[in-house]
Protein backbone atom coordinates (compact mmCIF):
# COMPACT_ATOMS: atom_id res chain seq x y z
CA MET A 1 -212.45 89.86 34.87
CA ALA A 2 -208.72 89.85 35.51
CA LYS A 3 -206.40 91.89 33.33
CA THR A 4 -204.72 89.92 30.56
CA PHE A 5 -201.63 89.95 28.38
CA LYS A 6 -200.36 88.21 25.27
CA ILE A 7 -197.82 85.35 25.33
CA GLU A 8 -195.99 83.49 22.59
CA VAL A 9 -193.89 80.37 23.22
CA ILE A 10 -191.51 79.86 20.32
CA THR A 11 -189.03 77.11 19.40
CA PRO A 12 -186.75 77.16 16.34
CA GLU A 13 -189.31 75.00 14.52
CA LYS A 14 -192.62 76.70 15.32
CA VAL A 15 -194.80 78.86 17.53
CA VAL A 16 -195.93 76.38 20.21
CA TYR A 17 -198.41 78.62 22.01
CA ASP A 18 -199.91 82.02 21.13
CA ASP A 19 -202.79 83.34 23.21
CA THR A 20 -204.07 85.91 25.69
CA VAL A 21 -203.59 84.82 29.31
CA GLN A 22 -204.03 85.95 32.92
CA SER A 23 -200.71 84.77 34.37
CA ILE A 24 -197.61 82.65 33.91
CA THR A 25 -195.00 81.17 36.21
CA ALA A 26 -191.56 80.14 35.01
CA GLU A 27 -188.26 78.91 36.36
CA GLY A 28 -185.51 81.42 35.75
CA THR A 29 -181.83 80.87 36.41
CA GLU A 30 -182.17 83.25 39.37
CA GLY A 31 -185.30 81.52 40.71
CA SER A 32 -188.96 81.04 39.91
CA PHE A 33 -191.08 84.06 39.03
CA GLY A 34 -194.62 84.95 38.07
CA VAL A 35 -196.00 87.40 35.55
CA LEU A 36 -199.33 89.22 35.62
CA ALA A 37 -200.68 91.97 33.36
CA ASP A 38 -198.74 95.25 33.54
CA HIS A 39 -195.57 93.49 34.71
CA ALA A 40 -192.41 95.56 34.55
CA SER A 41 -190.31 95.12 31.41
CA MET A 42 -187.59 92.51 31.76
CA ILE A 43 -185.53 89.88 30.05
CA ALA A 44 -184.62 86.72 31.96
CA GLU A 45 -182.78 83.49 31.26
CA LEU A 46 -184.85 80.37 31.84
CA GLN A 47 -183.55 77.11 33.21
CA THR A 48 -184.86 73.68 32.27
CA GLY A 49 -188.22 73.53 34.03
CA ILE A 50 -191.98 73.89 33.85
CA LEU A 51 -193.76 76.90 32.35
CA THR A 52 -197.29 77.22 33.74
CA ILE A 53 -199.86 79.37 31.96
CA SER A 54 -203.30 80.36 33.25
CA ASP A 55 -205.48 81.37 30.32
CA VAL A 56 -208.43 83.76 30.32
CA ASN A 57 -210.81 80.91 31.29
CA ASN A 58 -208.63 79.93 34.30
CA LYS A 59 -207.52 76.79 32.46
CA THR A 60 -203.94 75.79 33.22
CA VAL A 61 -201.58 74.83 30.40
CA ARG A 62 -198.11 73.51 31.27
CA PHE A 63 -194.99 73.01 29.20
CA ALA A 64 -191.57 71.49 29.88
CA LEU A 65 -188.93 73.91 28.57
CA ASP A 66 -185.28 73.15 27.97
CA GLY A 67 -183.98 76.52 29.08
CA GLY A 68 -184.27 79.65 26.98
CA PHE A 69 -185.18 83.28 27.49
CA VAL A 70 -188.28 85.31 28.30
CA GLU A 71 -188.90 88.92 27.30
CA ILE A 72 -191.66 90.93 28.95
CA LEU A 73 -192.54 94.26 27.34
CA ALA A 74 -195.80 96.23 27.36
CA ASN A 75 -198.12 93.30 28.19
CA ASN A 76 -196.44 91.08 25.60
CA VAL A 77 -194.41 88.05 26.71
CA ILE A 78 -192.17 86.10 24.36
CA VAL A 79 -190.62 82.82 25.49
CA LEU A 80 -187.80 81.51 23.30
CA THR A 81 -186.66 77.93 23.95
CA ASP A 82 -184.87 75.17 22.06
CA THR A 83 -187.42 72.50 22.96
CA CYS A 84 -190.88 72.61 24.46
CA THR A 85 -193.18 69.72 25.36
CA LYS A 86 -196.83 70.29 26.22
CA GLU A 87 -198.42 68.49 29.15
CA GLY A 88 -200.06 65.32 27.85
CA GLU A 89 -197.55 64.93 25.02
CA VAL A 90 -194.69 63.49 27.09
CA ASP A 91 -193.32 60.14 25.89
CA VAL A 92 -192.92 58.67 29.39
CA GLU A 93 -191.03 55.56 28.28
CA LYS A 94 -188.53 57.65 26.34
CA ALA A 95 -188.09 60.07 29.27
CA MET A 96 -187.52 57.17 31.68
CA ALA A 97 -184.93 55.67 29.31
CA GLU A 98 -183.17 59.05 29.02
CA LYS A 99 -183.16 59.35 32.81
CA ALA A 100 -181.62 55.90 33.23
CA SER A 101 -179.01 56.66 30.57
CA ALA A 102 -178.10 59.98 32.19
CA GLU A 103 -177.82 58.39 35.63
CA LYS A 104 -175.55 55.69 34.21
CA ALA A 105 -173.42 58.32 32.46
CA LEU A 106 -173.08 60.30 35.70
CA LEU A 107 -171.62 57.23 37.41
CA LYS A 108 -169.06 56.73 34.63
CA VAL A 109 -167.80 60.25 33.96
CA GLY A 110 -165.39 62.04 36.27
CA SER A 111 -165.78 65.77 35.81
CA GLY A 112 -165.86 68.44 33.18
CA VAL A 113 -167.98 68.75 30.06
CA GLU A 114 -169.24 65.17 29.99
CA LYS A 115 -170.48 65.39 33.57
CA GLU A 116 -172.29 68.66 32.82
CA LYS A 117 -173.93 67.10 29.75
CA ALA A 118 -175.10 64.13 31.82
CA LYS A 119 -176.48 66.45 34.54
CA ALA A 120 -178.36 68.48 31.92
CA ALA A 121 -179.80 65.31 30.34
CA LEU A 122 -180.92 64.09 33.77
CA LYS A 123 -182.59 67.45 34.53
CA ARG A 124 -184.41 67.38 31.16
CA ALA A 125 -185.66 63.83 31.77
CA ASN A 126 -186.77 64.65 35.33
CA THR A 127 -188.61 67.76 34.11
CA LEU A 128 -190.49 65.73 31.49
CA LEU A 129 -191.41 63.10 34.07
CA LYS A 130 -192.54 65.82 36.50
CA LEU A 131 -194.76 67.28 33.76
CA ALA A 132 -196.22 63.80 33.15
CA ASN A 133 -196.66 63.32 36.93
CA LYS A 134 -194.47 60.22 36.90
């Protein structure tokens, strides 16, 4: 059996996931990375993207994260994120509406803060739709 480690995925409201797993992959601001048991200690910033977890039974669990941070220390991984949506729980209609709204906002705004907000909203919507395979 493969070596395992503990992971917790935490939002400000609750612990979303807490289990022993074989591996994870995440999208950091410096690129995608994977974690196996006995990984070197590190802290990384996460971008809006998909967190993929392979549990001890080789079952894959996926989440859409809206950025955050990951800490890896002594076979314990903690993921802190503002929002987290589990695969199968995506409101596709809402995500499509948010995508359309963000695309419309991008056409209207020139530059600066409003444009960055619209880009972030579009990335969040696209990540949710990717998780829902839409």
